[in-house]
PDB file of N, CA and C in Angstrom:
ATOM      1  N   MET A   1      54.732 -45.676 -44.991  1.00  0.00           N
ATOM      2  CA  MET A   1      54.930 -47.215 -45.511  1.00  0.00           C
ATOM      3  C   MET A   1      53.713 -47.752 -46.367  1.00  0.00           C
ATOM      4  N   LEU A   2      52.727 -47.144 -45.852  1.00  0.00           N
ATOM      5  CA  LEU A   2      51.396 -47.604 -46.293  1.00  0.00           C
ATOM      6  C   LEU A   2      50.974 -46.793 -47.387  1.00  0.00           C
ATOM      7  N   ASP A   3      50.687 -47.180 -48.565  1.00  0.00           N
ATOM      8  CA  ASP A   3      49.851 -46.317 -49.558  1.00  0.00           C
ATOM      9  C   ASP A   3      48.921 -47.217 -50.184  1.00  0.00           C
ATOM     10  N   ALA A   4      47.988 -46.499 -51.253  1.00  0.00           N
ATOM     11  CA  ALA A   4      46.821 -47.218 -51.692  1.00  0.00           C
ATOM     12  C   ALA A   4      47.075 -48.477 -52.505  1.00  0.00           C
ATOM     13  N   SER A   5      48.420 -48.637 -52.838  1.00  0.00           N
ATOM     14  CA  SER A   5      48.816 -49.755 -53.835  1.00  0.00           C
ATOM     15  C   SER A   5      49.812 -50.674 -52.998  1.00  0.00           C
ATOM     16  N   SER A   6      49.741 -50.588 -51.717  1.00  0.00           N
ATOM     17  CA  SER A   6      50.610 -51.387 -50.868  1.00  0.00           C
ATOM     18  C   SER A   6      49.780 -52.764 -51.011  1.00  0.00           C
ATOM     19  N   ASP A   7      51.001 -53.674 -50.808  1.00  0.00           N
ATOM     20  CA  ASP A   7      50.851 -55.191 -50.932  1.00  0.00           C
ATOM     21  C   ASP A   7      51.033 -55.414 -49.317  1.00  0.00           C
ATOM     22  N   LEU A   8      51.123 -54.824 -48.531  1.00  0.00           N
ATOM     23  CA  LEU A   8      51.237 -54.987 -46.962  1.00  0.00           C
ATOM     24  C   LEU A   8      50.028 -55.387 -46.445  1.00  0.00           C
ATOM     25  N   VAL A   9      48.767 -54.771 -47.064  1.00  0.00           N
ATOM     26  CA  VAL A   9      47.663 -55.153 -46.429  1.00  0.00           C
ATOM     27  C   VAL A   9      46.600 -55.693 -47.247  1.00  0.00           C
ATOM     28  N   CYS A  10      45.856 -56.793 -46.850  1.00  0.00           N
ATOM     29  CA  CYS A  10      44.774 -57.342 -47.825  1.00  0.00           C
ATOM     30  C   CYS A  10      43.669 -56.644 -47.440  1.00  0.00           C
ATOM     31  N   ASP A  11      42.547 -57.162 -48.451  1.00  0.00           N
ATOM     32  CA  ASP A  11      41.191 -56.642 -48.134  1.00  0.00           C
ATOM     33  C   ASP A  11      40.737 -57.390 -46.910  1.00  0.00           C
ATOM     34  N   GLY A  12      40.023 -56.297 -46.190  1.00  0.00           N
ATOM     35  CA  GLY A  12      39.421 -57.235 -44.902  1.00  0.00           C
ATOM     36  C   GLY A  12      40.179 -57.463 -43.670  1.00  0.00           C
ATOM     37  N   GLN A  13      41.630 -57.095 -43.955  1.00  0.00           N
ATOM     38  CA  GLN A  13      42.514 -57.312 -42.805  1.00  0.00           C
ATOM     39  C   GLN A  13      42.442 -56.403 -41.532  1.00  0.00           C
ATOM     40  N   VAL A  14      42.508 -56.861 -40.413  1.00  0.00           N
ATOM     41  CA  VAL A  14      42.276 -56.122 -39.150  1.00  0.00           C
ATOM     42  C   VAL A  14      43.792 -55.473 -38.907  1.00  0.00           C
ATOM     43  N   ILE A  15      43.903 -54.056 -38.846  1.00  0.00           N
ATOM     44  CA  ILE A  15      45.067 -53.616 -38.140  1.00  0.00           C
ATOM     45  C   ILE A  15      44.499 -53.049 -36.896  1.00  0.00           C
ATOM     46  N   LEU A  16      45.564 -53.499 -35.937  1.00  0.00           N
ATOM     47  CA  LEU A  16      45.559 -53.073 -34.589  1.00  0.00           C
ATOM     48  C   LEU A  16      46.697 -51.988 -34.322  1.00  0.00           C
ATOM     49  N   ALA A  17      46.200 -50.838 -34.099  1.00  0.00           N
ATOM     50  CA  ALA A  17      47.165 -49.746 -33.912  1.00  0.00           C
ATOM     51  C   ALA A  17      47.147 -49.049 -32.588  1.00  0.00           C
ATOM     52  N   ASP A  18      48.246 -47.995 -32.423  1.00  0.00           N
ATOM     53  CA  ASP A  18      47.988 -47.351 -31.169  1.00  0.00           C
ATOM     54  C   ASP A  18      47.127 -46.168 -31.340  1.00  0.00           C
ATOM     55  N   LYS A  19      46.578 -45.748 -30.054  1.00  0.00           N
ATOM     56  CA  LYS A  19      45.726 -44.766 -30.058  1.00  0.00           C
ATOM     57  C   LYS A  19      46.191 -43.405 -30.752  1.00  0.00           C
ATOM     58  N   GLY A  20      47.496 -43.138 -30.924  1.00  0.00           N
ATOM     59  CA  GLY A  20      47.984 -42.041 -31.823  1.00  0.00           C
ATOM     60  C   GLY A  20      47.676 -42.129 -33.173  1.00  0.00           C
ATOM     61  N   PHE A  21      46.932 -43.241 -33.606  1.00  0.00           N
ATOM     62  CA  PHE A  21      46.676 -43.140 -34.860  1.00  0.00           C
ATOM     63  C   PHE A  21      45.198 -42.743 -35.159  1.00  0.00           C
ATOM     64  N   ALA A  22      44.755 -42.130 -34.387  1.00  0.00           N
ATOM     65  CA  ALA A  22      43.407 -41.566 -34.481  1.00  0.00           C
ATOM     66  C   ALA A  22      43.187 -40.208 -35.666  1.00  0.00           C
ATOM     67  N   GLY A  23      42.035 -40.231 -36.080  1.00  0.00           N
ATOM     68  CA  GLY A  23      41.916 -39.284 -36.843  1.00  0.00           C
ATOM     69  C   GLY A  23      41.177 -39.564 -38.069  1.00  0.00           C
ATOM     70  N   LYS A  24      40.046 -38.846 -38.614  1.00  0.00           N
ATOM     71  CA  LYS A  24      39.224 -39.023 -39.674  1.00  0.00           C
ATOM     72  C   LYS A  24      39.751 -39.394 -40.916  1.00  0.00           C
ATOM     73  N   GLN A  25      40.871 -38.464 -41.032  1.00  0.00           N
ATOM     74  CA  GLN A  25      41.318 -38.832 -42.541  1.00  0.00           C
ATOM     75  C   GLN A  25      42.381 -39.998 -42.646  1.00  0.00           C
ATOM     76  N   PHE A  26      42.986 -40.723 -41.432  1.00  0.00           N
ATOM     77  CA  PHE A  26      43.738 -41.778 -41.456  1.00  0.00           C
ATOM     78  C   PHE A  26      42.681 -43.035 -41.422  1.00  0.00           C
ATOM     79  N   GLU A  27      41.616 -42.733 -40.571  1.00  0.00           N
ATOM     80  CA  GLU A  27      40.531 -43.984 -40.716  1.00  0.00           C
ATOM     81  C   GLU A  27      39.989 -44.126 -41.923  1.00  0.00           C
ATOM     82  N   ALA A  28      39.742 -43.089 -42.614  1.00  0.00           N
ATOM     83  CA  ALA A  28      39.053 -43.319 -43.930  1.00  0.00           C
ATOM     84  C   ALA A  28      40.248 -43.831 -45.115  1.00  0.00           C
ATOM     85  N   PHE A  29      41.455 -43.345 -44.778  1.00  0.00           N
ATOM     86  CA  PHE A  29      42.397 -44.130 -45.761  1.00  0.00           C
ATOM     87  C   PHE A  29      42.452 -45.766 -45.399  1.00  0.00           C
ATOM     88  N   ILE A  30      42.432 -46.047 -44.272  1.00  0.00           N
ATOM     89  CA  ILE A  30      42.590 -47.530 -44.070  1.00  0.00           C
ATOM     90  C   ILE A  30      41.374 -48.307 -44.624  1.00  0.00           C
ATOM     91  N   THR A  31      39.946 -47.446 -44.064  1.00  0.00           N
ATOM     92  CA  THR A  31      38.943 -48.217 -44.517  1.00  0.00           C
ATOM     93  C   THR A  31      38.408 -48.244 -46.202  1.00  0.00           C
ATOM     94  N   GLU A  32      38.712 -47.109 -46.682  1.00  0.00           N
ATOM     95  CA  GLU A  32      38.180 -46.801 -48.132  1.00  0.00           C
ATOM     96  C   GLU A  32      39.387 -47.139 -49.055  1.00  0.00           C
ATOM     97  N   ASP A  33      40.614 -46.764 -48.958  1.00  0.00           N
ATOM     98  CA  ASP A  33      41.656 -46.919 -49.637  1.00  0.00           C
ATOM     99  C   ASP A  33      42.009 -48.292 -49.730  1.00  0.00           C
ATOM    100  N   LEU A  34      42.549 -48.747 -48.457  1.00  0.00           N
ATOM    101  CA  LEU A  34      43.092 -50.214 -47.904  1.00  0.00           C
ATOM    102  C   LEU A  34      41.948 -51.217 -48.220  1.00  0.00           C
ATOM    103  N   LYS A  35      40.782 -50.834 -47.650  1.00  0.00           N
ATOM    104  CA  LYS A  35      39.695 -51.849 -47.468  1.00  0.00           C
ATOM    105  C   LYS A  35      40.068 -52.571 -46.260  1.00  0.00           C
ATOM    106  N   ALA A  36      40.677 -52.138 -45.390  1.00  0.00           N
ATOM    107  CA  ALA A  36      40.850 -52.842 -44.160  1.00  0.00           C
ATOM    108  C   ALA A  36      40.208 -52.427 -42.874  1.00  0.00           C
ATOM    109  N   HIS A  37      40.249 -52.912 -41.647  1.00  0.00           N
ATOM    110  CA  HIS A  37      39.483 -52.391 -40.603  1.00  0.00           C
ATOM    111  C   HIS A  37      40.817 -52.193 -39.472  1.00  0.00           C
ATOM    112  N   LEU A  38      40.342 -50.757 -39.097  1.00  0.00           N
ATOM    113  CA  LEU A  38      41.185 -50.170 -38.080  1.00  0.00           C
ATOM    114  C   LEU A  38      40.716 -50.191 -36.743  1.00  0.00           C
ATOM    115  N   LEU A  39      41.527 -51.163 -35.743  1.00  0.00           N
ATOM    116  CA  LEU A  39      41.117 -51.218 -34.414  1.00  0.00           C
ATOM    117  C   LEU A  39      42.287 -50.522 -33.503  1.00  0.00           C
ATOM    118  N   ARG A  40      41.622 -49.689 -32.766  1.00  0.00           N
ATOM    119  CA  ARG A  40      42.632 -48.772 -31.694  1.00  0.00           C
ATOM    120  C   ARG A  40      42.099 -48.531 -30.648  1.00  0.00           C
ATOM    121  N   PRO A  41      42.904 -48.443 -29.338  1.00  0.00           N
ATOM    122  CA  PRO A  41      42.227 -48.011 -28.302  1.00  0.00           C
ATOM    123  C   PRO A  41      41.502 -46.875 -28.207  1.00  0.00           C
ATOM    124  N   ASP A  42      40.617 -46.732 -27.337  1.00  0.00           N
ATOM    125  CA  ASP A  42      39.774 -45.517 -27.359  1.00  0.00           C
ATOM    126  C   ASP A  42      40.356 -44.274 -26.479  1.00  0.00           C
ATOM    127  N   ARG A  43      40.487 -43.122 -26.935  1.00  0.00           N
ATOM    128  CA  ARG A  43      41.030 -41.832 -26.474  1.00  0.00           C
ATOM    129  C   ARG A  43      40.207 -41.304 -25.349  1.00  0.00           C
ATOM    130  N   LYS A  44      40.397 -40.666 -24.629  1.00  0.00           N
ATOM    131  CA  LYS A  44      39.569 -40.180 -23.396  1.00  0.00           C
ATOM    132  C   LYS A  44      38.842 -38.878 -24.074  1.00  0.00           C
ATOM    133  N   ASP A  45      39.155 -38.454 -25.093  1.00  0.00           N
ATOM    134  CA  ASP A  45      38.286 -37.329 -25.564  1.00  0.00           C
ATOM    135  C   ASP A  45      37.129 -37.667 -26.698  1.00  0.00           C
ATOM    136  N   GLU A  46      37.114 -38.998 -26.859  1.00  0.00           N
ATOM    137  CA  GLU A  46      36.138 -39.433 -27.764  1.00  0.00           C
ATOM    138  C   GLU A  46      35.069 -40.509 -27.098  1.00  0.00           C
ATOM    139  N   LYS A  47      33.967 -40.722 -27.829  1.00  0.00           N
ATOM    140  CA  LYS A  47      33.043 -41.615 -27.301  1.00  0.00           C
ATOM    141  C   LYS A  47      33.772 -43.148 -27.585  1.00  0.00           C
ATOM    142  N   PRO A  48      33.203 -44.070 -26.553  1.00  0.00           N
ATOM    143  CA  PRO A  48      33.931 -45.315 -26.384  1.00  0.00           C
ATOM    144  C   PRO A  48      33.596 -46.150 -27.695  1.00  0.00           C
ATOM    145  N   ARG A  49      34.432 -46.817 -28.578  1.00  0.00           N
ATOM    146  CA  ARG A  49      34.015 -47.555 -29.637  1.00  0.00           C
ATOM    147  C   ARG A  49      34.867 -49.061 -29.444  1.00  0.00           C
ATOM    148  N   PHE A  50      36.130 -48.966 -29.223  1.00  0.00           N
ATOM    149  CA  PHE A  50      36.971 -50.241 -29.175  1.00  0.00           C
ATOM    150  C   PHE A  50      37.121 -50.736 -27.972  1.00  0.00           C
ATOM    151  N   GLY A  51      37.415 -50.079 -27.036  1.00  0.00           N
ATOM    152  CA  GLY A  51      37.931 -50.301 -25.504  1.00  0.00           C
ATOM    153  C   GLY A  51      39.513 -50.314 -25.385  1.00  0.00           C
ATOM    154  N   ASP A  52      39.719 -51.072 -24.489  1.00  0.00           N
ATOM    155  CA  ASP A  52      41.190 -50.900 -23.988  1.00  0.00           C
ATOM    156  C   ASP A  52      41.946 -52.270 -24.592  1.00  0.00           C
ATOM    157  N   PHE A  53      43.282 -51.784 -25.353  1.00  0.00           N
ATOM    158  CA  PHE A  53      43.614 -53.130 -25.684  1.00  0.00           C
ATOM    159  C   PHE A  53      45.220 -53.468 -24.920  1.00  0.00           C
ATOM    160  N   GLY A  54      44.901 -53.142 -23.574  1.00  0.00           N
ATOM    161  CA  GLY A  54      46.105 -53.433 -22.643  1.00  0.00           C
ATOM    162  C   GLY A  54      46.662 -54.627 -22.764  1.00  0.00           C
ATOM    163  N   GLY A  55      45.859 -55.651 -22.600  1.00  0.00           N
ATOM    164  CA  GLY A  55      46.499 -56.945 -22.585  1.00  0.00           C
ATOM    165  C   GLY A  55      46.916 -57.469 -24.257  1.00  0.00           C
ATOM    166  N   ILE A  56      46.511 -57.122 -25.121  1.00  0.00           N
ATOM    167  CA  ILE A  56      46.809 -57.418 -26.429  1.00  0.00           C
ATOM    168  C   ILE A  56      48.217 -56.706 -26.337  1.00  0.00           C
ATOM    169  N   ARG A  57      48.353 -55.311 -26.357  1.00  0.00           N
ATOM    170  CA  ARG A  57      49.661 -54.675 -26.336  1.00  0.00           C
ATOM    171  C   ARG A  57      50.697 -55.400 -25.701  1.00  0.00           C
ATOM    172  N   GLN A  58      50.244 -55.723 -24.454  1.00  0.00           N
ATOM    173  CA  GLN A  58      51.609 -56.205 -23.645  1.00  0.00           C
ATOM    174  C   GLN A  58      52.087 -57.592 -24.266  1.00  0.00           C
ATOM    175  N   TRP A  59      51.117 -58.278 -24.829  1.00  0.00           N
ATOM    176  CA  TRP A  59      51.429 -59.452 -25.662  1.00  0.00           C
ATOM    177  C   TRP A  59      52.485 -59.113 -26.886  1.00  0.00           C
ATOM    178  N   VAL A  60      51.900 -58.219 -27.683  1.00  0.00           N
ATOM    179  CA  VAL A  60      52.680 -57.801 -28.559  1.00  0.00           C
ATOM    180  C   VAL A  60      54.072 -57.420 -28.388  1.00  0.00           C
ATOM    181  N   GLU A  61      54.176 -56.598 -27.329  1.00  0.00           N
ATOM    182  CA  GLU A  61      55.451 -55.774 -26.787  1.00  0.00           C
ATOM    183  C   GLU A  61      56.462 -56.986 -26.395  1.00  0.00           C
ATOM    184  N   SER A  62      55.703 -58.030 -25.828  1.00  0.00           N
ATOM    185  CA  SER A  62      56.583 -59.163 -25.300  1.00  0.00           C
ATOM    186  C   SER A  62      57.008 -60.039 -26.501  1.00  0.00           C
ATOM    187  N   ILE A  63      56.399 -60.074 -27.596  1.00  0.00           N
ATOM    188  CA  ILE A  63      56.982 -60.941 -28.846  1.00  0.00           C
ATOM    189  C   ILE A  63      57.830 -59.816 -29.481  1.00  0.00           C
ATOM    190  N   PHE A  64      57.880 -58.541 -29.256  1.00  0.00           N
ATOM    191  CA  PHE A  64      58.676 -57.917 -30.123  1.00  0.00           C
ATOM    192  C   PHE A  64      60.096 -57.781 -29.255  1.00  0.00           C
ATOM    193  N   ASP A  65      59.928 -57.827 -27.991  1.00  0.00           N
ATOM    194  CA  ASP A  65      60.961 -57.827 -27.011  1.00  0.00           C
ATOM    195  C   ASP A  65      61.745 -59.135 -27.516  1.00  0.00           C
ATOM    196  N   THR A  66      61.276 -60.259 -27.547  1.00  0.00           N
ATOM    197  CA  THR A  66      61.851 -61.687 -27.961  1.00  0.00           C
ATOM    198  C   THR A  66      62.497 -61.415 -29.167  1.00  0.00           C
ATOM    199  N   LEU A  67      61.924 -60.968 -30.085  1.00  0.00           N
ATOM    200  CA  LEU A  67      62.321 -60.993 -31.782  1.00  0.00           C
ATOM    201  C   LEU A  67      63.469 -60.217 -31.811  1.00  0.00           C
ATOM    202  N   LYS A  68      63.611 -59.014 -30.938  1.00  0.00           N
ATOM    203  CA  LYS A  68      64.669 -58.024 -31.107  1.00  0.00           C
ATOM    204  C   LYS A  68      65.852 -58.481 -30.169  1.00  0.00           C
ATOM    205  N   GLY A  69      65.440 -58.981 -28.991  1.00  0.00           N
ATOM    206  CA  GLY A  69      66.401 -59.344 -28.155  1.00  0.00           C
ATOM    207  C   GLY A  69      67.020 -60.607 -28.334  1.00  0.00           C
ATOM    208  N   GLN A  70      66.468 -61.808 -28.139  1.00  0.00           N
ATOM    209  CA  GLN A  70      66.875 -63.089 -28.396  1.00  0.00           C
ATOM    210  C   GLN A  70      67.320 -63.570 -29.615  1.00  0.00           C
ATOM    211  N   LEU A  71      66.286 -62.884 -30.607  1.00  0.00           N
ATOM    212  CA  LEU A  71      66.504 -63.421 -32.029  1.00  0.00           C
ATOM    213  C   LEU A  71      67.227 -62.262 -32.630  1.00  0.00           C
ATOM    214  N   GLY A  72      67.482 -61.259 -32.325  1.00  0.00           N
ATOM    215  CA  GLY A  72      68.532 -60.094 -32.991  1.00  0.00           C
ATOM    216  C   GLY A  72      67.813 -59.654 -34.268  1.00  0.00           C
ATOM    217  N   LEU A  73      66.646 -59.288 -34.161  1.00  0.00           N
ATOM    218  CA  LEU A  73      66.148 -58.691 -35.296  1.00  0.00           C
ATOM    219  C   LEU A  73      66.416 -57.387 -35.337  1.00  0.00           C
ATOM    220  N   GLU A  74      66.865 -56.665 -34.400  1.00  0.00           N
ATOM    221  CA  GLU A  74      67.197 -55.161 -34.218  1.00  0.00           C
ATOM    222  C   GLU A  74      68.378 -54.919 -35.146  1.00  0.00           C
ATOM    223  N   ARG A  75      69.076 -56.072 -35.445  1.00  0.00           N
ATOM    224  CA  ARG A  75      70.390 -55.695 -36.391  1.00  0.00           C
ATOM    225  C   ARG A  75      70.185 -56.956 -37.521  1.00  0.00           C
ATOM    226  N   HIS A  76      68.941 -56.772 -38.365  1.00  0.00           N
ATOM    227  CA  HIS A  76      68.994 -57.859 -39.147  1.00  0.00           C
ATOM    228  C   HIS A  76      69.775 -57.857 -40.550  1.00  0.00           C
ATOM    229  N   GLY A  77      70.171 -56.769 -40.733  1.00  0.00           N
ATOM    230  CA  GLY A  77      71.285 -56.816 -42.146  1.00  0.00           C
ATOM    231  C   GLY A  77      70.635 -56.412 -43.407  1.00  0.00           C
ATOM    232  N   ALA A  78      69.409 -56.580 -43.684  1.00  0.00           N
ATOM    233  CA  ALA A  78      68.323 -56.663 -44.758  1.00  0.00           C
ATOM    234  C   ALA A  78      68.656 -55.420 -45.477  1.00  0.00           C
ATOM    235  N   ARG A  79      68.984 -55.349 -46.759  1.00  0.00           N
ATOM    236  CA  ARG A  79      68.739 -54.035 -47.678  1.00  0.00           C
ATOM    237  C   ARG A  79      67.626 -53.761 -48.326  1.00  0.00           C
ATOM    238  N   THR A  80      66.546 -54.623 -48.140  1.00  0.00           N
ATOM    239  CA  THR A  80      65.322 -54.058 -48.982  1.00  0.00           C
ATOM    240  C   THR A  80      64.285 -54.673 -48.068  1.00  0.00           C
ATOM    241  N   LEU A  81      62.928 -54.423 -48.348  1.00  0.00           N
ATOM    242  CA  LEU A  81      61.719 -54.518 -47.584  1.00  0.00           C
ATOM    243  C   LEU A  81      61.416 -56.001 -47.870  1.00  0.00           C
ATOM    244  N   GLU A  82      62.033 -56.747 -48.872  1.00  0.00           N
ATOM    245  CA  GLU A  82      61.611 -58.184 -49.345  1.00  0.00           C
ATOM    246  C   GLU A  82      62.445 -59.006 -48.278  1.00  0.00           C
ATOM    247  N   GLY A  83      63.825 -58.188 -48.030  1.00  0.00           N
ATOM    248  CA  GLY A  83      64.656 -59.025 -47.342  1.00  0.00           C
ATOM    249  C   GLY A  83      64.490 -58.928 -45.742  1.00  0.00           C
ATOM    250  N   VAL A  84      63.784 -57.818 -45.536  1.00  0.00           N
ATOM    251  CA  VAL A  84      63.630 -57.726 -44.367  1.00  0.00           C
ATOM    252  C   VAL A  84      62.295 -58.846 -43.743  1.00  0.00           C
ATOM    253  N   MET A  85      61.589 -58.679 -44.711  1.00  0.00           N
ATOM    254  CA  MET A  85      60.246 -59.593 -44.490  1.00  0.00           C
ATOM    255  C   MET A  85      60.772 -61.112 -44.549  1.00  0.00           C
ATOM    256  N   ALA A  86      61.796 -61.475 -45.434  1.00  0.00           N
ATOM    257  CA  ALA A  86      62.453 -62.807 -45.412  1.00  0.00           C
ATOM    258  C   ALA A  86      62.970 -63.094 -43.884  1.00  0.00           C
ATOM    259  N   ARG A  87      64.004 -62.192 -43.599  1.00  0.00           N
ATOM    260  CA  ARG A  87      64.500 -62.586 -42.446  1.00  0.00           C
ATOM    261  C   ARG A  87      63.517 -62.514 -41.198  1.00  0.00           C
ATOM    262  N   VAL A  88      62.391 -61.753 -41.058  1.00  0.00           N
ATOM    263  CA  VAL A  88      61.311 -61.584 -39.948  1.00  0.00           C
ATOM    264  C   VAL A  88      60.936 -63.363 -40.119  1.00  0.00           C
ATOM    265  N   ALA A  89      60.564 -63.596 -41.292  1.00  0.00           N
ATOM    266  CA  ALA A  89      59.979 -64.874 -41.514  1.00  0.00           C
ATOM    267  C   ALA A  89      60.952 -65.823 -41.155  1.00  0.00           C
ATOM    268  N   CYS A  90      62.227 -66.013 -41.054  1.00  0.00           N
ATOM    269  CA  CYS A  90      62.925 -67.014 -40.404  1.00  0.00           C
ATOM    270  C   CYS A  90      63.158 -66.943 -39.351  1.00  0.00           C
ATOM    271  N   LYS A  91      63.116 -65.704 -38.669  1.00  0.00           N
ATOM    272  CA  LYS A  91      63.307 -65.746 -37.277  1.00  0.00           C
ATOM    273  C   LYS A  91      61.855 -66.274 -36.239  1.00  0.00           C
ATOM    274  N   LEU A  92      60.620 -65.924 -37.228  1.00  0.00           N
ATOM    275  CA  LEU A  92      59.586 -66.441 -36.659  1.00  0.00           C
ATOM    276  C   LEU A  92      59.426 -67.977 -36.734  1.00  0.00           C
ATOM    277  N   LEU A  93      59.816 -68.539 -37.726  1.00  0.00           N
ATOM    278  CA  LEU A  93      59.881 -69.990 -37.852  1.00  0.00           C
ATOM    279  C   LEU A  93      60.748 -70.656 -36.599  1.00  0.00           C
ATOM    280  N   ALA A  94      61.966 -69.982 -36.465  1.00  0.00           N
ATOM    281  CA  ALA A  94      62.948 -70.405 -35.471  1.00  0.00           C
ATOM    282  C   ALA A  94      62.256 -70.356 -34.196  1.00  0.00           C
ATOM    283  N   MET A  95      61.491 -69.308 -33.804  1.00  0.00           N
ATOM    284  CA  MET A  95      61.037 -69.145 -32.573  1.00  0.00           C
ATOM    285  C   MET A  95      59.836 -70.150 -32.484  1.00  0.00           C
ATOM    286  N   ALA A  96      59.122 -70.439 -33.426  1.00  0.00           N
ATOM    287  CA  ALA A  96      57.983 -71.319 -33.358  1.00  0.00           C
ATOM    288  C   ALA A  96      58.543 -72.772 -33.190  1.00  0.00           C
ATOM    289  N   ALA A  97      59.595 -72.908 -33.632  1.00  0.00           N
ATOM    290  CA  ALA A  97      60.164 -74.344 -33.549  1.00  0.00           C
ATOM    291  C   ALA A  97      60.738 -74.379 -32.236  1.00  0.00           C
ATOM    292  N   GLY A  98      61.132 -73.364 -31.550  1.00  0.00           N
ATOM    293  CA  GLY A  98      61.892 -73.906 -30.290  1.00  0.00           C
ATOM    294  C   GLY A  98      60.800 -73.685 -29.291  1.00  0.00           C
ATOM    295  N   ILE A  99      59.668 -72.904 -29.385  1.00  0.00           N
ATOM    296  CA  ILE A  99      58.516 -73.171 -28.516  1.00  0.00           C
ATOM    297  C   ILE A  99      57.760 -74.547 -28.869  1.00  0.00           C
ATOM    298  N   TRP A 100      57.692 -75.041 -29.948  1.00  0.00           N
ATOM    299  CA  TRP A 100      57.012 -76.388 -30.362  1.00  0.00           C
ATOM    300  C   TRP A 100      58.182 -77.395 -29.791  1.00  0.00           C
ATOM    301  N   HIS A 101      59.426 -77.377 -29.651  1.00  0.00           N
ATOM    302  CA  HIS A 101      60.269 -78.201 -29.165  1.00  0.00           C
ATOM    303  C   HIS A 101      60.201 -78.302 -27.564  1.00  0.00           C
ATOM    304  N   ASN A 102      59.762 -77.160 -27.146  1.00  0.00           N
ATOM    305  CA  ASN A 102      59.828 -76.910 -25.547  1.00  0.00           C
ATOM    306  C   ASN A 102      58.481 -77.717 -24.966  1.00  0.00           C
ATOM    307  N   TRP A 103      57.409 -77.691 -25.969  1.00  0.00           N
ATOM    308  CA  TRP A 103      56.273 -78.241 -25.640  1.00  0.00           C
ATOM    309  C   TRP A 103      56.286 -79.620 -25.656  1.00  0.00           C
ATOM    310  N   LYS A 104      57.175 -80.339 -26.800  1.00  0.00           N
ATOM    311  CA  LYS A 104      57.333 -81.781 -26.967  1.00  0.00           C
ATOM    312  C   LYS A 104      57.965 -82.275 -25.872  1.00  0.00           C
ATOM    313  N   ILE A 105      58.956 -81.676 -25.511  1.00  0.00           N
ATOM    314  CA  ILE A 105      59.887 -82.200 -24.279  1.00  0.00           C
ATOM    315  C   ILE A 105      59.148 -81.878 -22.895  1.00  0.00           C
ATOM    316  N   ASP A 106      58.132 -81.240 -22.797  1.00  0.00           N
ATOM    317  CA  ASP A 106      57.520 -80.680 -21.727  1.00  0.00           C
ATOM    318  C   ASP A 106      58.290 -79.777 -20.553  1.00  0.00           C
ATOM    319  N   ALA A 107      59.173 -79.078 -21.356  1.00  0.00           N
ATOM    320  CA  ALA A 107      59.728 -77.916 -20.624  1.00  0.00           C
ATOM    321  C   ALA A 107      58.931 -77.072 -19.670  1.00  0.00           C
ATOM    322  N   PRO A 108      59.434 -76.766 -18.431  1.00  0.00           N
ATOM    323  CA  PRO A 108      58.587 -75.937 -17.356  1.00  0.00           C
ATOM    324  C   PRO A 108      58.154 -74.688 -18.002  1.00  0.00           C
ATOM    325  N   ARG A 109      59.007 -73.982 -18.891  1.00  0.00           N
ATOM    326  CA  ARG A 109      58.747 -72.519 -19.336  1.00  0.00           C
ATOM    327  C   ARG A 109      58.655 -72.860 -20.923  1.00  0.00           C
ATOM    328  N   LYS A 110      57.544 -72.804 -21.419  1.00  0.00           N
ATOM    329  CA  LYS A 110      57.410 -73.331 -22.857  1.00  0.00           C
ATOM    330  C   LYS A 110      57.639 -72.133 -23.885  1.00  0.00           C
ATOM    331  N   ARG A 111      57.536 -70.947 -23.361  1.00  0.00           N
ATOM    332  CA  ARG A 111      57.956 -69.743 -24.471  1.00  0.00           C
ATOM    333  C   ARG A 111      59.519 -69.393 -24.197  1.00  0.00           C
ATOM    334  N   SER A 112      60.244 -69.987 -23.325  1.00  0.00           N
ATOM    335  CA  SER A 112      61.589 -69.511 -22.935  1.00  0.00           C
ATOM    336  C   SER A 112      62.580 -70.061 -23.932  1.00  0.00           C
ATOM    337  N   LEU A 113      63.130 -69.332 -24.378  1.00  0.00           N
ATOM    338  CA  LEU A 113      64.142 -69.555 -25.503  1.00  0.00           C
ATOM    339  C   LEU A 113      65.832 -69.587 -25.122  1.00  0.00           C
ATOM    340  N   VAL A 114      65.805 -69.398 -23.714  1.00  0.00           N
ATOM    341  CA  VAL A 114      67.084 -69.198 -23.076  1.00  0.00           C
ATOM    342  C   VAL A 114      68.278 -70.161 -23.471  1.00  0.00           C
ATOM    343  N   SER A 115      67.516 -71.607 -23.266  1.00  0.00           N
ATOM    344  CA  SER A 115      68.503 -72.703 -23.852  1.00  0.00           C
ATOM    345  C   SER A 115      69.015 -72.763 -25.044  1.00  0.00           C
ATOM    346  N   TYR A 116      68.506 -71.970 -26.057  1.00  0.00           N
ATOM    347  CA  TYR A 116      68.682 -71.947 -27.238  1.00  0.00           C
ATOM    348  C   TYR A 116      69.700 -70.620 -27.764  1.00  0.00           C
ATOM    349  N   ASP A 117      69.824 -69.722 -26.693  1.00  0.00           N
ATOM    350  CA  ASP A 117      70.798 -68.420 -26.906  1.00  0.00           C
ATOM    351  C   ASP A 117      72.083 -68.464 -26.544  1.00  0.00           C
ATOM    352  N   HIS A 118      72.738 -68.849 -27.763  1.00  0.00           N
ATOM    353  CA  HIS A 118      74.155 -69.030 -27.649  1.00  0.00           C
ATOM    354  C   HIS A 118      74.920 -67.939 -28.293  1.00  0.00           C
TER     355      HIS A 118
END
């Protein structure tokens, strides 16, 4: 998915990855070719560098679960990468609007979209 001419990564962008993305060749590709910064949890067999991303990972997994479950992104129906990006953007906007509305009406569970799940 990533190559040196990829428009998905901007110079200086931070990429959070799983610890499975360890390796000098991959890190060199990210830092030298894509000019981005790779952050991943430390593996047990290496010197500590980044620490543990447990809290961030749980937050990201929660968002993915919401996008896939309540917002139906697992069956997006797009046929091109641009179509996938457009549909993801629409779903994120819908989710943000629902959360914003919950804050405005002082709902007890601000991130809950159950009331909009028809």
